[in-house]
Amino acid sequence: MAQNDGARDVIGTFAHMKKNGTLRILIIALTLGVALFAIGSFALSDKEKSSEASSDGAGEELIGFFEYKQLLEEEIESLCMSVSGVRSVSAAVFFSDVGGSVYAQNTQSGGSQKNEYVIIGSGSSSHALYLGESLPTLSGIGVVCDTGESEEKKNELLLLLSSAYGLPLTRVHISEG
């Protein structure tokens, strides 16, 4: 019997709301809320997709550390092979770090130097301001090649690689293969 009374109360409330016009307002408000929720979720997914595409630069795909290392070694081998009198080149590169994500920082100087990440957003949507990726830092190059045991060619390669990759002469080594 109590359930019937509850059902009558609900029906009576809806009838009263319909009579006052508040039922129509409630239905419009609920419909608008659902529509805004749906639009917001679609807009958020589109925003995430566009931010993923723009984080790659000009539509290029980011490469990993080992792919970068291999490309750099191939580039060095090609550069060395372009020097006349140099044959069968094999190169190895060495890094002081592997690069990674770069975030904006506020730097405060004074008695003690203090760095803090720049945080954007608020509450659960706050995050550090992402700037991009840094490349690994090249620290050395080793090359094994056939120069016909010419010290002149080895020195030419040493100067070429040192200047091309911004390394001191002591961080580049050329060996006869």
N, C-alpha and C. Protein backbone atom coordinates (compact mmCIF):
# COMPACT_ATOMS: atom_id res chain seq x y z
N MET A 1 0.81 -1.18 0.00
CA MET A 1 0.00 0.00 0.00
C MET A 1 0.87 1.26 0.00
N ALA A 2 2.02 1.19 0.71
CA ALA A 2 2.90 2.34 0.80
C ALA A 2 3.50 2.67 -0.56
N GLN A 3 3.73 1.62 -1.39
CA GLN A 3 4.27 1.86 -2.72
C GLN A 3 3.26 2.59 -3.59
N ASN A 4 2.02 2.24 -3.48
CA ASN A 4 0.98 2.92 -4.25
C ASN A 4 0.89 4.38 -3.85
N ASP A 5 1.02 4.66 -2.54
CA ASP A 5 0.99 6.05 -2.09
C ASP A 5 2.18 6.82 -2.64
N GLY A 6 3.35 6.17 -2.67
CA GLY A 6 4.56 6.81 -3.21
C GLY A 6 4.42 7.10 -4.68
N ALA A 7 3.84 6.15 -5.41
CA ALA A 7 3.63 6.32 -6.85
C ALA A 7 2.64 7.44 -7.10
N ARG A 8 1.59 7.49 -6.27
CA ARG A 8 0.61 8.58 -6.42
C ARG A 8 1.25 9.93 -6.14
N ASP A 9 2.13 9.97 -5.15
CA ASP A 9 2.80 11.23 -4.83
C ASP A 9 3.67 11.69 -5.99
N VAL A 10 4.38 10.76 -6.63
CA VAL A 10 5.24 11.11 -7.77
C VAL A 10 4.38 11.59 -8.93
N ILE A 11 3.31 10.85 -9.21
CA ILE A 11 2.41 11.24 -10.30
C ILE A 11 1.77 12.59 -9.99
N GLY A 12 1.40 12.77 -8.74
CA GLY A 12 0.81 14.05 -8.34
C GLY A 12 1.80 15.19 -8.48
N THR A 13 3.06 14.93 -8.14
CA THR A 13 4.10 15.96 -8.28
C THR A 13 4.29 16.32 -9.75
N PHE A 14 4.37 15.31 -10.63
CA PHE A 14 4.52 15.58 -12.06
C PHE A 14 3.30 16.32 -12.61
N ALA A 15 2.12 15.97 -12.15
CA ALA A 15 0.90 16.65 -12.60
C ALA A 15 0.95 18.11 -12.16
N HIS A 16 1.40 18.35 -10.94
CA HIS A 16 1.51 19.72 -10.43
C HIS A 16 2.56 20.52 -11.22
N MET A 17 3.69 19.86 -11.52
CA MET A 17 4.74 20.53 -12.30
C MET A 17 4.26 20.83 -13.71
N LYS A 18 3.47 19.91 -14.28
CA LYS A 18 2.95 20.13 -15.62
C LYS A 18 1.99 21.30 -15.63
N LYS A 19 1.19 21.38 -14.59
CA LYS A 19 0.21 22.46 -14.48
C LYS A 19 0.91 23.81 -14.34
N ASN A 20 2.01 23.85 -13.56
CA ASN A 20 2.75 25.10 -13.35
C ASN A 20 3.69 25.44 -14.50
N GLY A 21 3.99 24.49 -15.36
CA GLY A 21 4.94 24.73 -16.46
C GLY A 21 6.38 24.40 -16.08
N THR A 22 6.62 23.98 -14.84
CA THR A 22 7.98 23.65 -14.41
C THR A 22 8.45 22.32 -14.97
N LEU A 23 7.56 21.43 -15.34
CA LEU A 23 7.95 20.15 -15.94
C LEU A 23 8.62 20.40 -17.28
N ARG A 24 8.05 21.31 -18.05
CA ARG A 24 8.64 21.65 -19.35
C ARG A 24 10.04 22.23 -19.15
N ILE A 25 10.21 23.10 -18.18
CA ILE A 25 11.52 23.70 -17.89
C ILE A 25 12.51 22.63 -17.45
N LEU A 26 12.07 21.69 -16.62
CA LEU A 26 12.92 20.61 -16.16
C LEU A 26 13.38 19.72 -17.32
N ILE A 27 12.46 19.39 -18.22
CA ILE A 27 12.79 18.56 -19.38
C ILE A 27 13.78 19.29 -20.29
N ILE A 28 13.55 20.58 -20.52
CA ILE A 28 14.46 21.37 -21.36
C ILE A 28 15.84 21.45 -20.72
N ALA A 29 15.88 21.66 -19.41
CA ALA A 29 17.16 21.75 -18.70
C ALA A 29 17.91 20.42 -18.76
N LEU A 30 17.21 19.31 -18.56
CA LEU A 30 17.85 18.00 -18.64
C LEU A 30 18.37 17.72 -20.05
N THR A 31 17.57 18.04 -21.06
CA THR A 31 17.98 17.83 -22.46
C THR A 31 19.20 18.68 -22.79
N LEU A 32 19.20 19.93 -22.35
CA LEU A 32 20.32 20.83 -22.57
C LEU A 32 21.57 20.31 -21.87
N GLY A 33 21.41 19.82 -20.66
CA GLY A 33 22.55 19.27 -19.91
C GLY A 33 23.17 18.08 -20.60
N VAL A 34 22.34 17.16 -21.08
CA VAL A 34 22.84 15.98 -21.80
C VAL A 34 23.53 16.41 -23.09
N ALA A 35 22.94 17.37 -23.81
CA ALA A 35 23.54 17.85 -25.06
C ALA A 35 24.90 18.50 -24.78
N LEU A 36 25.00 19.34 -23.75
CA LEU A 36 26.28 19.97 -23.42
C LEU A 36 27.33 18.94 -23.01
N PHE A 37 26.90 17.94 -22.26
CA PHE A 37 27.82 16.87 -21.86
C PHE A 37 28.36 16.14 -23.09
N ALA A 38 27.47 15.81 -24.04
CA ALA A 38 27.89 15.10 -25.25
C ALA A 38 28.82 15.96 -26.09
N ILE A 39 28.48 17.23 -26.26
CA ILE A 39 29.32 18.14 -27.05
C ILE A 39 30.68 18.31 -26.38
N GLY A 40 30.69 18.45 -25.06
CA GLY A 40 31.94 18.61 -24.33
C GLY A 40 32.85 17.40 -24.45
N SER A 41 32.28 16.21 -24.40
CA SER A 41 33.11 15.01 -24.50
C SER A 41 33.67 14.85 -25.91
N PHE A 42 32.89 15.21 -26.95
CA PHE A 42 33.41 15.16 -28.31
C PHE A 42 34.48 16.22 -28.51
N ALA A 43 34.26 17.41 -28.00
CA ALA A 43 35.24 18.49 -28.14
C ALA A 43 36.53 18.13 -27.43
N LEU A 44 36.44 17.49 -26.27
CA LEU A 44 37.63 17.09 -25.53
C LEU A 44 38.41 16.04 -26.29
N SER A 45 37.73 15.05 -26.88
CA SER A 45 38.45 14.02 -27.63
C SER A 45 39.10 14.61 -28.87
N ASP A 46 38.45 15.57 -29.56
CA ASP A 46 39.05 16.23 -30.70
C ASP A 46 40.25 17.05 -30.28
N LYS A 47 40.16 17.72 -29.13
CA LYS A 47 41.28 18.52 -28.62
C LYS A 47 42.47 17.63 -28.31
N GLU A 48 42.22 16.46 -27.71
CA GLU A 48 43.31 15.53 -27.40
C GLU A 48 43.96 15.03 -28.68
N LYS A 49 43.16 14.73 -29.71
CA LYS A 49 43.72 14.25 -30.97
C LYS A 49 44.57 15.33 -31.63
N SER A 50 44.09 16.58 -31.61
CA SER A 50 44.85 17.66 -32.24
C SER A 50 46.10 17.97 -31.46
N SER A 51 46.08 17.85 -30.12
CA SER A 51 47.29 18.10 -29.35
C SER A 51 48.31 16.99 -29.57
N GLU A 52 47.85 15.75 -29.78
CA GLU A 52 48.78 14.67 -30.09
C GLU A 52 49.43 14.91 -31.44
N ALA A 53 48.67 15.35 -32.42
CA ALA A 53 49.22 15.61 -33.75
C ALA A 53 50.18 16.79 -33.72
N SER A 54 49.86 17.84 -32.95
CA SER A 54 50.73 19.01 -32.92
C SER A 54 51.96 18.79 -32.07
N SER A 55 51.96 17.83 -31.14
CA SER A 55 53.14 17.59 -30.32
C SER A 55 54.25 16.93 -31.12
N ASP A 56 53.94 16.38 -32.27
CA ASP A 56 54.94 15.74 -33.11
C ASP A 56 55.71 16.74 -33.95
N GLY A 57 55.40 18.00 -33.90
CA GLY A 57 56.03 18.97 -34.75
C GLY A 57 55.19 19.16 -35.99
N ALA A 58 55.81 19.13 -37.15
CA ALA A 58 55.09 19.35 -38.39
C ALA A 58 54.55 18.03 -38.94
N GLY A 59 53.84 17.29 -38.10
CA GLY A 59 53.25 16.04 -38.54
C GLY A 59 54.26 14.90 -38.62
N GLU A 60 55.49 15.12 -38.14
CA GLU A 60 56.50 14.08 -38.18
C GLU A 60 56.34 13.16 -36.99
N GLU A 61 56.73 11.94 -37.17
CA GLU A 61 56.66 10.97 -36.09
C GLU A 61 57.93 11.04 -35.27
N LEU A 62 57.80 11.06 -33.95
CA LEU A 62 58.97 11.07 -33.09
C LEU A 62 59.66 9.72 -33.16
N ILE A 63 61.00 9.74 -33.12
CA ILE A 63 61.74 8.49 -33.14
C ILE A 63 62.34 8.24 -31.77
N GLY A 64 62.62 7.01 -31.47
CA GLY A 64 63.19 6.63 -30.19
C GLY A 64 64.69 6.79 -30.17
N PHE A 65 65.26 6.56 -29.00
CA PHE A 65 66.69 6.72 -28.78
C PHE A 65 67.51 5.83 -29.71
N PHE A 66 67.17 4.55 -29.81
CA PHE A 66 67.97 3.63 -30.60
C PHE A 66 67.88 3.92 -32.10
N GLU A 67 66.71 4.38 -32.55
CA GLU A 67 66.58 4.77 -33.95
C GLU A 67 67.43 6.00 -34.23
N TYR A 68 67.43 6.96 -33.30
CA TYR A 68 68.25 8.17 -33.45
C TYR A 68 69.73 7.80 -33.50
N LYS A 69 70.15 6.91 -32.61
CA LYS A 69 71.55 6.45 -32.56
C LYS A 69 71.94 5.81 -33.88
N GLN A 70 71.10 4.94 -34.41
CA GLN A 70 71.39 4.27 -35.67
C GLN A 70 71.47 5.26 -36.82
N LEU A 71 70.54 6.21 -36.88
CA LEU A 71 70.56 7.22 -37.95
C LEU A 71 71.82 8.07 -37.89
N LEU A 72 72.24 8.42 -36.69
CA LEU A 72 73.45 9.23 -36.52
C LEU A 72 74.69 8.44 -36.95
N GLU A 73 74.76 7.18 -36.59
CA GLU A 73 75.89 6.35 -37.00
C GLU A 73 75.93 6.20 -38.52
N GLU A 74 74.78 6.00 -39.15
CA GLU A 74 74.73 5.89 -40.61
C GLU A 74 75.15 7.20 -41.28
N GLU A 75 74.73 8.32 -40.69
CA GLU A 75 75.11 9.63 -41.22
C GLU A 75 76.62 9.82 -41.14
N ILE A 76 77.23 9.44 -40.03
CA ILE A 76 78.69 9.57 -39.86
C ILE A 76 79.41 8.66 -40.85
N GLU A 77 78.93 7.44 -41.02
CA GLU A 77 79.55 6.53 -41.98
C GLU A 77 79.49 7.10 -43.39
N SER A 78 78.35 7.66 -43.76
CA SER A 78 78.20 8.26 -45.09
C SER A 78 79.13 9.46 -45.26
N LEU A 79 79.23 10.27 -44.23
CA LEU A 79 80.10 11.44 -44.28
C LEU A 79 81.56 11.02 -44.46
N CYS A 80 81.99 10.01 -43.72
CA CYS A 80 83.37 9.53 -43.82
C CYS A 80 83.64 8.91 -45.19
N MET A 81 82.67 8.17 -45.72
CA MET A 81 82.83 7.53 -47.03
C MET A 81 82.93 8.56 -48.16
N SER A 82 82.43 9.77 -47.92
CA SER A 82 82.49 10.80 -48.95
C SER A 82 83.88 11.42 -49.06
N VAL A 83 84.76 11.13 -48.11
CA VAL A 83 86.13 11.62 -48.18
C VAL A 83 86.92 10.67 -49.07
N SER A 84 87.62 11.22 -50.05
CA SER A 84 88.36 10.35 -50.97
C SER A 84 89.47 9.60 -50.23
N GLY A 85 89.64 8.34 -50.60
CA GLY A 85 90.67 7.51 -49.99
C GLY A 85 90.21 6.79 -48.74
N VAL A 86 88.94 6.92 -48.36
CA VAL A 86 88.42 6.26 -47.17
C VAL A 86 87.43 5.18 -47.61
N ARG A 87 87.63 3.96 -47.08
CA ARG A 87 86.77 2.83 -47.46
C ARG A 87 86.33 2.08 -46.21
N SER A 88 85.32 1.26 -46.36
CA SER A 88 84.74 0.39 -45.33
C SER A 88 84.72 1.04 -43.95
N VAL A 89 83.74 1.91 -43.76
CA VAL A 89 83.62 2.68 -42.53
C VAL A 89 82.57 2.06 -41.61
N SER A 90 82.89 2.00 -40.33
CA SER A 90 81.95 1.58 -39.30
C SER A 90 82.05 2.59 -38.17
N ALA A 91 80.90 3.14 -37.76
CA ALA A 91 80.91 4.20 -36.74
C ALA A 91 80.09 3.79 -35.53
N ALA A 92 80.49 4.32 -34.38
CA ALA A 92 79.74 4.15 -33.13
C ALA A 92 79.66 5.51 -32.45
N VAL A 93 78.49 5.83 -31.92
CA VAL A 93 78.32 7.10 -31.22
C VAL A 93 78.02 6.83 -29.75
N PHE A 94 78.41 7.79 -28.92
CA PHE A 94 78.23 7.66 -27.47
C PHE A 94 77.55 8.93 -26.96
N PHE A 95 76.68 8.76 -25.96
CA PHE A 95 75.89 9.87 -25.44
C PHE A 95 76.11 10.02 -23.94
N SER A 96 76.03 11.27 -23.47
CA SER A 96 76.13 11.52 -22.03
C SER A 96 74.75 11.43 -21.38
N ASP A 97 73.68 11.58 -22.15
CA ASP A 97 72.32 11.36 -21.67
C ASP A 97 71.45 10.93 -22.84
N VAL A 98 70.26 10.43 -22.54
CA VAL A 98 69.40 9.92 -23.61
C VAL A 98 68.29 10.88 -24.00
N GLY A 99 68.35 12.13 -23.55
CA GLY A 99 67.32 13.09 -23.91
C GLY A 99 66.04 12.82 -23.14
N GLY A 100 64.97 13.44 -23.54
CA GLY A 100 63.68 13.20 -22.88
C GLY A 100 62.77 14.40 -22.97
N SER A 101 61.72 14.36 -22.17
CA SER A 101 60.71 15.42 -22.17
C SER A 101 61.26 16.68 -21.51
N VAL A 102 60.88 17.82 -22.07
CA VAL A 102 61.31 19.11 -21.52
C VAL A 102 60.06 19.88 -21.08
N TYR A 103 60.08 20.36 -19.85
CA TYR A 103 58.96 21.11 -19.28
C TYR A 103 59.43 22.51 -18.91
N ALA A 104 58.53 23.49 -19.02
CA ALA A 104 58.83 24.88 -18.67
C ALA A 104 59.09 24.99 -17.18
N GLN A 105 60.09 25.83 -16.82
CA GLN A 105 60.44 26.02 -15.42
C GLN A 105 60.56 27.49 -15.10
N ASN A 106 60.14 27.86 -13.88
CA ASN A 106 60.40 29.19 -13.35
C ASN A 106 61.71 29.10 -12.59
N THR A 107 62.61 30.03 -12.84
CA THR A 107 63.89 30.04 -12.14
C THR A 107 63.94 31.27 -11.26
N GLN A 108 64.19 31.04 -9.98
CA GLN A 108 64.33 32.15 -9.03
C GLN A 108 65.76 32.15 -8.52
N SER A 109 66.37 33.31 -8.58
CA SER A 109 67.74 33.40 -8.05
C SER A 109 67.70 34.24 -6.79
N GLY A 110 68.73 34.16 -6.06
CA GLY A 110 68.82 34.87 -4.79
C GLY A 110 69.79 34.12 -3.91
N GLY A 111 69.43 33.97 -2.65
CA GLY A 111 70.29 33.24 -1.72
C GLY A 111 70.51 31.81 -2.17
N SER A 112 69.44 31.17 -2.61
CA SER A 112 69.57 29.81 -3.13
C SER A 112 68.80 29.72 -4.43
N GLN A 113 69.42 29.09 -5.42
CA GLN A 113 68.78 28.94 -6.72
C GLN A 113 67.63 27.94 -6.59
N LYS A 114 66.46 28.30 -7.13
CA LYS A 114 65.29 27.44 -7.01
C LYS A 114 64.59 27.36 -8.36
N ASN A 115 64.34 26.14 -8.84
CA ASN A 115 63.60 25.92 -10.08
C ASN A 115 62.30 25.21 -9.77
N GLU A 116 61.22 25.71 -10.34
CA GLU A 116 59.92 25.07 -10.19
C GLU A 116 59.29 24.93 -11.56
N TYR A 117 58.59 23.81 -11.78
CA TYR A 117 57.90 23.61 -13.04
C TYR A 117 56.71 24.56 -13.14
N VAL A 118 56.42 25.02 -14.35
CA VAL A 118 55.25 25.85 -14.62
C VAL A 118 54.05 24.92 -14.70
N ILE A 119 53.07 25.15 -13.81
CA ILE A 119 51.87 24.31 -13.76
C ILE A 119 50.71 25.09 -14.37
N ILE A 120 49.98 24.42 -15.28
CA ILE A 120 48.79 25.04 -15.88
C ILE A 120 47.58 24.21 -15.51
N GLY A 121 46.42 24.83 -15.52
CA GLY A 121 45.19 24.16 -15.13
C GLY A 121 45.02 24.22 -13.62
N SER A 122 43.96 23.63 -13.14
CA SER A 122 43.74 23.62 -11.69
C SER A 122 43.10 22.31 -11.29
N GLY A 123 43.26 21.99 -10.03
CA GLY A 123 42.65 20.77 -9.50
C GLY A 123 43.20 19.52 -10.17
N SER A 124 42.31 18.61 -10.48
CA SER A 124 42.74 17.34 -11.07
C SER A 124 43.19 17.49 -12.52
N SER A 125 42.92 18.63 -13.16
CA SER A 125 43.35 18.83 -14.54
C SER A 125 44.65 19.63 -14.63
N SER A 126 45.33 19.85 -13.51
CA SER A 126 46.59 20.60 -13.56
C SER A 126 47.72 19.69 -14.02
N HIS A 127 48.65 20.28 -14.79
CA HIS A 127 49.81 19.53 -15.26
C HIS A 127 50.93 20.50 -15.63
N ALA A 128 52.15 19.97 -15.70
CA ALA A 128 53.30 20.79 -16.06
C ALA A 128 53.22 21.17 -17.54
N LEU A 129 53.71 22.37 -17.87
CA LEU A 129 53.68 22.88 -19.24
C LEU A 129 54.76 22.17 -20.07
N TYR A 130 54.33 21.32 -20.99
CA TYR A 130 55.22 20.52 -21.84
C TYR A 130 55.73 21.37 -22.99
N LEU A 131 57.07 21.40 -23.18
CA LEU A 131 57.66 22.17 -24.27
C LEU A 131 58.06 21.31 -25.46
N GLY A 132 58.46 20.09 -25.20
CA GLY A 132 58.87 19.20 -26.30
C GLY A 132 59.85 18.16 -25.82
N GLU A 133 60.57 17.59 -26.78
CA GLU A 133 61.55 16.55 -26.48
C GLU A 133 62.95 17.09 -26.77
N SER A 134 63.92 16.68 -25.94
CA SER A 134 65.31 17.05 -26.20
C SER A 134 66.02 15.83 -26.78
N LEU A 135 66.96 16.11 -27.68
CA LEU A 135 67.73 15.03 -28.28
C LEU A 135 68.78 14.55 -27.29
N PRO A 136 69.24 13.31 -27.45
CA PRO A 136 70.36 12.84 -26.62
C PRO A 136 71.59 13.72 -26.86
N THR A 137 72.42 13.88 -25.84
CA THR A 137 73.61 14.71 -25.95
C THR A 137 74.79 13.85 -26.40
N LEU A 138 75.28 14.13 -27.59
CA LEU A 138 76.41 13.39 -28.16
C LEU A 138 77.67 13.70 -27.36
N SER A 139 78.38 12.66 -26.93
CA SER A 139 79.60 12.89 -26.14
C SER A 139 80.84 12.31 -26.80
N GLY A 140 80.68 11.43 -27.80
CA GLY A 140 81.86 10.88 -28.45
C GLY A 140 81.53 10.10 -29.70
N ILE A 141 82.53 9.99 -30.59
CA ILE A 141 82.38 9.25 -31.84
C ILE A 141 83.60 8.35 -31.99
N GLY A 142 83.34 7.11 -32.35
CA GLY A 142 84.41 6.17 -32.69
C GLY A 142 84.21 5.67 -34.10
N VAL A 143 85.27 5.67 -34.89
CA VAL A 143 85.18 5.24 -36.28
C VAL A 143 86.30 4.25 -36.57
N VAL A 144 85.95 3.14 -37.20
CA VAL A 144 86.92 2.18 -37.71
C VAL A 144 86.77 2.20 -39.22
N CYS A 145 87.88 2.46 -39.93
CA CYS A 145 87.80 2.56 -41.39
C CYS A 145 89.13 2.18 -42.01
N ASP A 146 89.13 2.07 -43.32
CA ASP A 146 90.33 1.78 -44.09
C ASP A 146 90.77 3.05 -44.78
N THR A 147 91.89 3.60 -44.34
CA THR A 147 92.43 4.82 -44.94
C THR A 147 93.74 4.53 -45.66
N GLY A 148 94.09 3.25 -45.78
CA GLY A 148 95.39 2.90 -46.36
C GLY A 148 96.50 3.30 -45.41
N GLU A 149 96.18 3.32 -44.13
CA GLU A 149 97.12 3.69 -43.05
C GLU A 149 97.70 5.09 -43.26
N SER A 150 96.91 5.96 -43.85
CA SER A 150 97.33 7.35 -44.07
C SER A 150 96.96 8.19 -42.86
N GLU A 151 97.97 8.71 -42.17
CA GLU A 151 97.74 9.59 -41.02
C GLU A 151 97.06 10.89 -41.45
N GLU A 152 97.35 11.32 -42.67
CA GLU A 152 96.72 12.53 -43.21
C GLU A 152 95.21 12.35 -43.32
N LYS A 153 94.76 11.18 -43.82
CA LYS A 153 93.32 10.91 -43.95
C LYS A 153 92.67 10.78 -42.57
N LYS A 154 93.37 10.14 -41.63
CA LYS A 154 92.82 10.01 -40.27
C LYS A 154 92.64 11.39 -39.64
N ASN A 155 93.63 12.27 -39.81
CA ASN A 155 93.52 13.62 -39.27
C ASN A 155 92.41 14.41 -39.95
N GLU A 156 92.25 14.20 -41.26
CA GLU A 156 91.18 14.87 -41.99
C GLU A 156 89.81 14.43 -41.46
N LEU A 157 89.64 13.13 -41.23
CA LEU A 157 88.39 12.61 -40.66
C LEU A 157 88.18 13.13 -39.24
N LEU A 158 89.24 13.17 -38.47
CA LEU A 158 89.15 13.67 -37.10
C LEU A 158 88.66 15.11 -37.07
N LEU A 159 89.23 15.97 -37.91
CA LEU A 159 88.80 17.37 -37.97
C LEU A 159 87.38 17.50 -38.52
N LEU A 160 87.05 16.69 -39.52
CA LEU A 160 85.72 16.73 -40.12
C LEU A 160 84.65 16.38 -39.09
N LEU A 161 84.83 15.27 -38.39
CA LEU A 161 83.82 14.83 -37.41
C LEU A 161 83.75 15.76 -36.21
N SER A 162 84.89 16.26 -35.77
CA SER A 162 84.92 17.17 -34.63
C SER A 162 84.15 18.45 -34.94
N SER A 163 84.37 19.01 -36.11
CA SER A 163 83.68 20.26 -36.46
C SER A 163 82.22 20.02 -36.84
N ALA A 164 81.92 18.91 -37.51
CA ALA A 164 80.54 18.63 -37.94
C ALA A 164 79.62 18.38 -36.75
N TYR A 165 80.12 17.77 -35.68
CA TYR A 165 79.27 17.40 -34.55
C TYR A 165 79.58 18.18 -33.28
N GLY A 166 80.45 19.21 -33.39
CA GLY A 166 80.72 20.10 -32.26
C GLY A 166 81.38 19.42 -31.08
N LEU A 167 82.24 18.45 -31.36
CA LEU A 167 82.93 17.76 -30.29
C LEU A 167 84.41 18.16 -30.27
N PRO A 168 85.02 18.16 -29.09
CA PRO A 168 86.47 18.40 -29.06
C PRO A 168 87.20 17.23 -29.73
N LEU A 169 88.39 17.49 -30.24
CA LEU A 169 89.17 16.45 -30.92
C LEU A 169 89.39 15.23 -30.03
N THR A 170 89.47 15.45 -28.73
CA THR A 170 89.72 14.34 -27.80
C THR A 170 88.51 13.41 -27.66
N ARG A 171 87.34 13.81 -28.17
CA ARG A 171 86.12 12.98 -28.06
C ARG A 171 85.81 12.25 -29.36
N VAL A 172 86.74 12.32 -30.34
CA VAL A 172 86.57 11.61 -31.60
C VAL A 172 87.81 10.72 -31.78
N HIS A 173 87.57 9.45 -32.09
CA HIS A 173 88.70 8.53 -32.29
C HIS A 173 88.53 7.82 -33.61
N ILE A 174 89.65 7.77 -34.39
CA ILE A 174 89.67 7.11 -35.69
C ILE A 174 90.68 5.96 -35.60
N SER A 175 90.24 4.76 -35.96
CA SER A 175 91.13 3.60 -35.96
C SER A 175 91.16 3.00 -37.36
N GLU A 176 92.29 2.41 -37.69
CA GLU A 176 92.45 1.73 -38.97
C GLU A 176 91.80 0.36 -38.89
N GLY A 177 91.04 0.01 -39.91
CA GLY A 177 90.34 -1.28 -39.93
C GLY A 177 91.16 -2.37 -40.56
